[in-house]
């Protein structure tokens, strides 16, 4: 089994910054990719950013230029630096890891951006 533990969420004013972290542990063999998704109240879960084992990244259009995903392979940890936050970024952010085609999810961390 794979466990994902997220941290770094919280309340911030618009224009502020937060950094999310997600550490993976357990039966880690060959991670294909790690990433972040988010789900706002009444909306479907959506992709925020992903990063492959080789370091390639992909971002949702809504966060390009404001969010940066990075990864420490030695620590099996993925980060999401969020700058210039907007009220519409308010959501529960979920860490995701794919290993051998199987997705794993963290418990989620709340990010609230006040206007």
N, C-alpha and C. Protein backbone atom coordinates (compact mmCIF):
# COMPACT_ATOMS: atom_id res chain seq x y z
N UNK A 1 0.83 -1.19 0.00
CA UNK A 1 0.00 0.00 0.00
C UNK A 1 0.87 1.25 0.00
N UNK A 2 0.29 2.30 -0.52
CA UNK A 2 0.96 3.60 -0.58
C UNK A 2 0.16 4.59 0.24
N UNK A 3 0.86 5.34 1.07
CA UNK A 3 0.20 6.38 1.87
C UNK A 3 0.73 7.74 1.43
N UNK A 4 -0.18 8.70 1.36
CA UNK A 4 0.16 10.07 0.99
C UNK A 4 -0.28 10.99 2.11
N UNK A 5 0.64 11.80 2.59
CA UNK A 5 0.33 12.74 3.67
C UNK A 5 0.60 14.15 3.18
N UNK A 6 -0.46 14.95 3.16
CA UNK A 6 -0.38 16.33 2.68
C UNK A 6 -0.25 17.29 3.85
N UNK A 7 0.35 18.43 3.58
CA UNK A 7 0.43 19.49 4.57
C UNK A 7 0.59 20.82 3.85
N UNK A 8 0.33 21.90 4.58
CA UNK A 8 0.57 23.23 4.03
C UNK A 8 -0.65 24.04 3.67
N UNK A 9 -1.83 23.46 3.77
CA UNK A 9 -3.03 24.23 3.46
C UNK A 9 -3.32 25.26 4.54
N UNK A 10 -4.32 26.08 4.29
CA UNK A 10 -4.70 27.09 5.27
C UNK A 10 -5.49 28.22 4.67
N UNK A 11 -5.58 29.28 5.44
CA UNK A 11 -6.32 30.49 5.03
C UNK A 11 -5.33 31.59 4.66
N UNK A 12 -5.55 32.21 3.52
CA UNK A 12 -4.66 33.26 3.06
C UNK A 12 -5.47 34.33 2.33
N UNK A 13 -5.00 35.54 2.36
CA UNK A 13 -5.68 36.61 1.63
C UNK A 13 -5.34 36.54 0.14
N UNK A 14 -6.22 37.08 -0.65
CA UNK A 14 -5.96 37.14 -2.09
C UNK A 14 -4.64 37.83 -2.35
N UNK A 15 -3.89 37.26 -3.28
CA UNK A 15 -2.56 37.78 -3.58
C UNK A 15 -1.45 37.13 -2.80
N UNK A 16 -1.81 36.36 -1.81
CA UNK A 16 -0.83 35.70 -0.97
C UNK A 16 -0.33 34.40 -1.56
N UNK A 17 0.49 33.70 -0.76
CA UNK A 17 1.11 32.47 -1.22
C UNK A 17 0.96 31.36 -0.18
N UNK A 18 0.96 30.14 -0.67
CA UNK A 18 1.00 28.95 0.17
C UNK A 18 1.84 27.91 -0.54
N UNK A 19 2.42 27.02 0.25
CA UNK A 19 3.17 25.91 -0.31
C UNK A 19 2.63 24.61 0.28
N UNK A 20 2.16 23.74 -0.62
CA UNK A 20 1.67 22.43 -0.22
C UNK A 20 2.77 21.39 -0.38
N UNK A 21 2.77 20.43 0.52
CA UNK A 21 3.71 19.31 0.44
C UNK A 21 2.94 18.01 0.53
N UNK A 22 3.47 16.99 -0.12
CA UNK A 22 2.86 15.66 -0.07
C UNK A 22 3.97 14.63 -0.05
N UNK A 23 4.03 13.88 1.04
CA UNK A 23 5.05 12.85 1.19
C UNK A 23 4.43 11.48 1.01
N UNK A 24 5.04 10.68 0.16
CA UNK A 24 4.58 9.32 -0.09
C UNK A 24 5.42 8.32 0.70
N UNK A 25 4.75 7.31 1.23
CA UNK A 25 5.45 6.26 1.95
C UNK A 25 4.76 4.93 1.71
N UNK A 26 5.39 3.87 2.18
CA UNK A 26 4.82 2.55 2.00
C UNK A 26 5.52 1.80 0.88
N UNK A 27 4.75 1.08 0.10
CA UNK A 27 5.30 0.24 -0.96
C UNK A 27 5.56 1.06 -2.22
N UNK A 28 6.65 1.82 -2.17
CA UNK A 28 7.04 2.67 -3.30
C UNK A 28 8.04 1.89 -4.15
N UNK A 29 7.67 1.64 -5.41
CA UNK A 29 8.56 0.90 -6.30
C UNK A 29 8.97 1.75 -7.49
N UNK A 30 7.99 2.18 -8.23
CA UNK A 30 8.28 2.92 -9.46
C UNK A 30 7.15 3.90 -9.72
N UNK A 31 7.36 5.11 -9.27
CA UNK A 31 6.32 6.12 -9.41
C UNK A 31 6.31 6.66 -10.84
N UNK A 32 5.16 6.62 -11.45
CA UNK A 32 5.02 7.18 -12.80
C UNK A 32 4.90 8.69 -12.76
N UNK A 33 4.06 9.16 -11.86
CA UNK A 33 3.85 10.60 -11.78
C UNK A 33 3.21 10.96 -10.46
N UNK A 34 3.37 12.22 -10.08
CA UNK A 34 2.73 12.76 -8.90
C UNK A 34 2.09 14.08 -9.27
N UNK A 35 1.07 14.44 -8.54
CA UNK A 35 0.42 15.69 -8.89
C UNK A 35 -0.57 16.16 -7.85
N UNK A 36 -1.22 17.24 -8.20
CA UNK A 36 -2.22 17.86 -7.34
C UNK A 36 -3.52 18.07 -8.11
N UNK A 37 -4.61 17.77 -7.46
CA UNK A 37 -5.94 18.02 -7.96
C UNK A 37 -6.66 18.85 -6.90
N UNK A 38 -7.76 19.46 -7.29
CA UNK A 38 -8.54 20.20 -6.32
C UNK A 38 -10.03 20.05 -6.60
N UNK A 39 -10.80 20.23 -5.54
CA UNK A 39 -12.25 20.13 -5.66
C UNK A 39 -12.89 21.22 -4.82
N UNK A 40 -13.59 22.11 -5.51
CA UNK A 40 -14.32 23.17 -4.84
C UNK A 40 -15.74 22.68 -4.55
N UNK A 41 -16.42 23.29 -3.59
CA UNK A 41 -17.79 22.87 -3.25
C UNK A 41 -18.70 22.90 -4.47
N UNK A 42 -19.42 21.81 -4.68
CA UNK A 42 -20.34 21.74 -5.79
C UNK A 42 -19.72 21.52 -7.15
N UNK A 43 -18.41 21.33 -7.19
CA UNK A 43 -17.72 21.14 -8.47
C UNK A 43 -16.99 19.80 -8.50
N UNK A 44 -16.65 19.38 -9.70
CA UNK A 44 -15.90 18.14 -9.85
C UNK A 44 -14.43 18.36 -9.53
N UNK A 45 -13.77 17.27 -9.16
CA UNK A 45 -12.33 17.34 -8.92
C UNK A 45 -11.64 17.63 -10.25
N UNK A 46 -10.65 18.54 -10.21
CA UNK A 46 -9.96 18.93 -11.43
C UNK A 46 -8.45 18.89 -11.23
N UNK A 47 -7.77 18.68 -12.33
CA UNK A 47 -6.32 18.69 -12.33
C UNK A 47 -5.79 20.09 -12.06
N UNK A 48 -4.78 20.18 -11.20
CA UNK A 48 -4.09 21.45 -10.98
C UNK A 48 -2.72 21.39 -11.66
N UNK A 49 -1.93 20.40 -11.30
CA UNK A 49 -0.59 20.26 -11.87
C UNK A 49 -0.09 18.84 -11.65
N UNK A 50 0.69 18.35 -12.60
CA UNK A 50 1.29 17.04 -12.47
C UNK A 50 2.76 17.13 -12.89
N UNK A 51 3.55 16.19 -12.37
CA UNK A 51 4.96 16.11 -12.72
C UNK A 51 5.33 14.64 -12.84
N UNK A 52 6.03 14.31 -13.93
CA UNK A 52 6.43 12.93 -14.17
C UNK A 52 7.73 12.62 -13.43
N UNK A 53 8.10 11.36 -13.44
CA UNK A 53 9.35 10.97 -12.80
C UNK A 53 10.54 11.63 -13.48
N UNK A 54 10.38 11.98 -14.74
CA UNK A 54 11.45 12.64 -15.47
C UNK A 54 11.47 14.14 -15.31
N UNK A 55 10.46 14.67 -14.63
CA UNK A 55 10.44 16.11 -14.38
C UNK A 55 9.56 16.93 -15.31
N UNK A 56 8.91 16.28 -16.26
CA UNK A 56 7.99 17.01 -17.13
C UNK A 56 6.76 17.44 -16.33
N UNK A 57 6.28 18.65 -16.63
CA UNK A 57 5.15 19.19 -15.88
C UNK A 57 4.00 19.57 -16.79
N UNK A 58 2.82 19.60 -16.21
CA UNK A 58 1.63 20.04 -16.92
C UNK A 58 0.74 20.77 -15.91
N UNK A 59 0.18 21.89 -16.35
CA UNK A 59 -0.62 22.72 -15.46
C UNK A 59 -2.00 23.00 -16.07
N UNK A 60 -2.97 23.19 -15.20
CA UNK A 60 -4.25 23.70 -15.64
C UNK A 60 -4.05 25.14 -16.11
N UNK A 61 -4.79 25.53 -17.12
CA UNK A 61 -4.65 26.89 -17.65
C UNK A 61 -4.88 27.94 -16.56
N UNK A 62 -5.77 27.64 -15.64
CA UNK A 62 -6.16 28.62 -14.63
C UNK A 62 -5.04 28.92 -13.63
N UNK A 63 -4.01 28.07 -13.57
CA UNK A 63 -2.94 28.28 -12.59
C UNK A 63 -1.59 28.54 -13.24
N UNK A 64 -1.52 28.46 -14.54
CA UNK A 64 -0.24 28.68 -15.23
C UNK A 64 0.31 30.06 -14.90
N UNK A 65 1.59 30.09 -14.59
CA UNK A 65 2.24 31.35 -14.26
C UNK A 65 2.11 31.74 -12.80
N UNK A 66 1.26 31.03 -12.06
CA UNK A 66 1.08 31.35 -10.63
C UNK A 66 1.52 30.19 -9.73
N UNK A 67 1.29 28.97 -10.18
CA UNK A 67 1.63 27.78 -9.40
C UNK A 67 2.83 27.08 -10.01
N UNK A 68 3.64 26.47 -9.14
CA UNK A 68 4.79 25.70 -9.59
C UNK A 68 4.83 24.36 -8.85
N UNK A 69 4.87 23.29 -9.61
CA UNK A 69 4.99 21.96 -9.02
C UNK A 69 6.44 21.52 -9.10
N UNK A 70 6.89 20.87 -8.03
CA UNK A 70 8.25 20.34 -8.02
C UNK A 70 8.26 19.03 -7.25
N UNK A 71 9.38 18.35 -7.34
CA UNK A 71 9.41 16.99 -6.79
C UNK A 71 10.80 16.67 -6.29
N UNK A 72 10.85 15.99 -5.15
CA UNK A 72 12.10 15.48 -4.61
C UNK A 72 12.01 13.96 -4.68
N UNK A 73 12.61 13.38 -5.68
CA UNK A 73 12.49 11.94 -5.89
C UNK A 73 13.09 11.14 -4.74
N UNK A 74 14.16 11.65 -4.16
CA UNK A 74 14.82 10.94 -3.06
C UNK A 74 13.91 10.84 -1.84
N UNK A 75 13.04 11.84 -1.69
CA UNK A 75 12.14 11.87 -0.53
C UNK A 75 10.72 11.44 -0.90
N UNK A 76 10.51 11.10 -2.17
CA UNK A 76 9.16 10.75 -2.64
C UNK A 76 8.15 11.82 -2.22
N UNK A 77 8.53 13.06 -2.42
CA UNK A 77 7.71 14.18 -2.00
C UNK A 77 7.47 15.11 -3.18
N UNK A 78 6.25 15.60 -3.26
CA UNK A 78 5.90 16.57 -4.29
C UNK A 78 5.41 17.84 -3.61
N UNK A 79 5.73 18.97 -4.22
CA UNK A 79 5.37 20.27 -3.67
C UNK A 79 4.54 21.05 -4.67
N UNK A 80 3.74 21.95 -4.14
CA UNK A 80 3.00 22.88 -4.99
C UNK A 80 3.14 24.28 -4.40
N UNK A 81 3.93 25.11 -5.05
CA UNK A 81 4.07 26.49 -4.64
C UNK A 81 2.98 27.30 -5.32
N UNK A 82 2.15 27.94 -4.53
CA UNK A 82 1.02 28.69 -5.05
C UNK A 82 1.19 30.16 -4.74
N UNK A 83 1.35 30.97 -5.76
CA UNK A 83 1.51 32.41 -5.61
C UNK A 83 0.33 33.14 -6.24
N UNK A 84 0.19 34.40 -5.89
CA UNK A 84 -0.88 35.24 -6.43
C UNK A 84 -2.23 34.53 -6.33
N UNK A 85 -2.51 34.01 -5.16
CA UNK A 85 -3.73 33.23 -4.97
C UNK A 85 -4.97 34.10 -5.14
N UNK A 86 -6.01 33.47 -5.68
CA UNK A 86 -7.28 34.14 -5.93
C UNK A 86 -8.39 33.42 -5.16
N UNK A 87 -9.48 34.12 -4.86
CA UNK A 87 -10.59 33.45 -4.17
C UNK A 87 -11.07 32.20 -4.90
N UNK A 88 -10.99 32.20 -6.21
CA UNK A 88 -11.44 31.03 -6.96
C UNK A 88 -10.49 29.84 -6.85
N UNK A 89 -9.37 30.01 -6.19
CA UNK A 89 -8.48 28.89 -5.91
C UNK A 89 -8.92 28.12 -4.66
N UNK A 90 -9.90 28.65 -3.96
CA UNK A 90 -10.40 27.99 -2.76
C UNK A 90 -10.95 26.61 -3.09
N UNK A 91 -10.43 25.60 -2.40
CA UNK A 91 -10.82 24.22 -2.67
C UNK A 91 -10.09 23.30 -1.70
N UNK A 92 -10.49 22.04 -1.71
CA UNK A 92 -9.69 21.01 -1.07
C UNK A 92 -8.70 20.50 -2.11
N UNK A 93 -7.45 20.51 -1.75
CA UNK A 93 -6.39 20.08 -2.66
C UNK A 93 -5.96 18.66 -2.29
N UNK A 94 -5.93 17.80 -3.31
CA UNK A 94 -5.60 16.40 -3.12
C UNK A 94 -4.30 16.06 -3.83
N UNK A 95 -3.44 15.36 -3.12
CA UNK A 95 -2.23 14.83 -3.72
C UNK A 95 -2.55 13.52 -4.43
N UNK A 96 -1.91 13.31 -5.56
CA UNK A 96 -2.13 12.10 -6.34
C UNK A 96 -0.79 11.49 -6.73
N UNK A 97 -0.73 10.18 -6.70
CA UNK A 97 0.45 9.44 -7.13
C UNK A 97 -0.01 8.28 -7.99
N UNK A 98 0.67 8.04 -9.07
CA UNK A 98 0.36 6.90 -9.94
C UNK A 98 1.57 5.98 -9.96
N UNK A 99 1.34 4.73 -9.62
CA UNK A 99 2.40 3.73 -9.61
C UNK A 99 1.89 2.48 -10.31
N UNK A 100 2.59 2.06 -11.33
CA UNK A 100 2.20 0.88 -12.11
C UNK A 100 0.76 1.01 -12.58
N UNK A 101 0.38 2.23 -12.93
CA UNK A 101 -0.94 2.46 -13.46
C UNK A 101 -2.04 2.59 -12.42
N UNK A 102 -1.69 2.45 -11.15
CA UNK A 102 -2.68 2.53 -10.07
C UNK A 102 -2.59 3.90 -9.41
N UNK A 103 -3.72 4.62 -9.32
CA UNK A 103 -3.71 5.93 -8.66
C UNK A 103 -3.92 5.81 -7.16
N UNK A 104 -3.23 6.64 -6.43
CA UNK A 104 -3.40 6.76 -4.98
C UNK A 104 -3.69 8.22 -4.64
N UNK A 105 -4.47 8.42 -3.58
CA UNK A 105 -4.90 9.77 -3.21
C UNK A 105 -4.60 10.07 -1.75
N UNK A 106 -4.26 11.31 -1.48
CA UNK A 106 -4.15 11.78 -0.11
C UNK A 106 -5.51 12.12 0.43
N UNK A 107 -5.53 12.53 1.70
CA UNK A 107 -6.80 12.82 2.36
C UNK A 107 -7.33 14.20 2.03
N UNK A 108 -6.49 15.04 1.46
CA UNK A 108 -6.90 16.39 1.09
C UNK A 108 -6.53 17.42 2.13
N UNK A 109 -6.23 18.61 1.66
CA UNK A 109 -5.93 19.72 2.55
C UNK A 109 -6.68 20.96 2.05
N UNK A 110 -7.32 21.66 2.98
CA UNK A 110 -8.16 22.80 2.60
C UNK A 110 -7.31 24.03 2.35
N UNK A 111 -7.58 24.68 1.23
CA UNK A 111 -6.99 25.99 0.92
C UNK A 111 -8.14 26.97 0.76
N UNK A 112 -8.11 28.03 1.55
CA UNK A 112 -9.15 29.05 1.50
C UNK A 112 -8.50 30.40 1.25
N UNK A 113 -8.95 31.06 0.20
CA UNK A 113 -8.41 32.37 -0.17
C UNK A 113 -9.51 33.40 0.02
N UNK A 114 -9.27 34.34 0.91
CA UNK A 114 -10.27 35.39 1.18
C UNK A 114 -10.03 36.60 0.29
N UNK A 115 -11.11 37.27 -0.04
CA UNK A 115 -11.01 38.44 -0.93
C UNK A 115 -10.80 39.72 -0.14
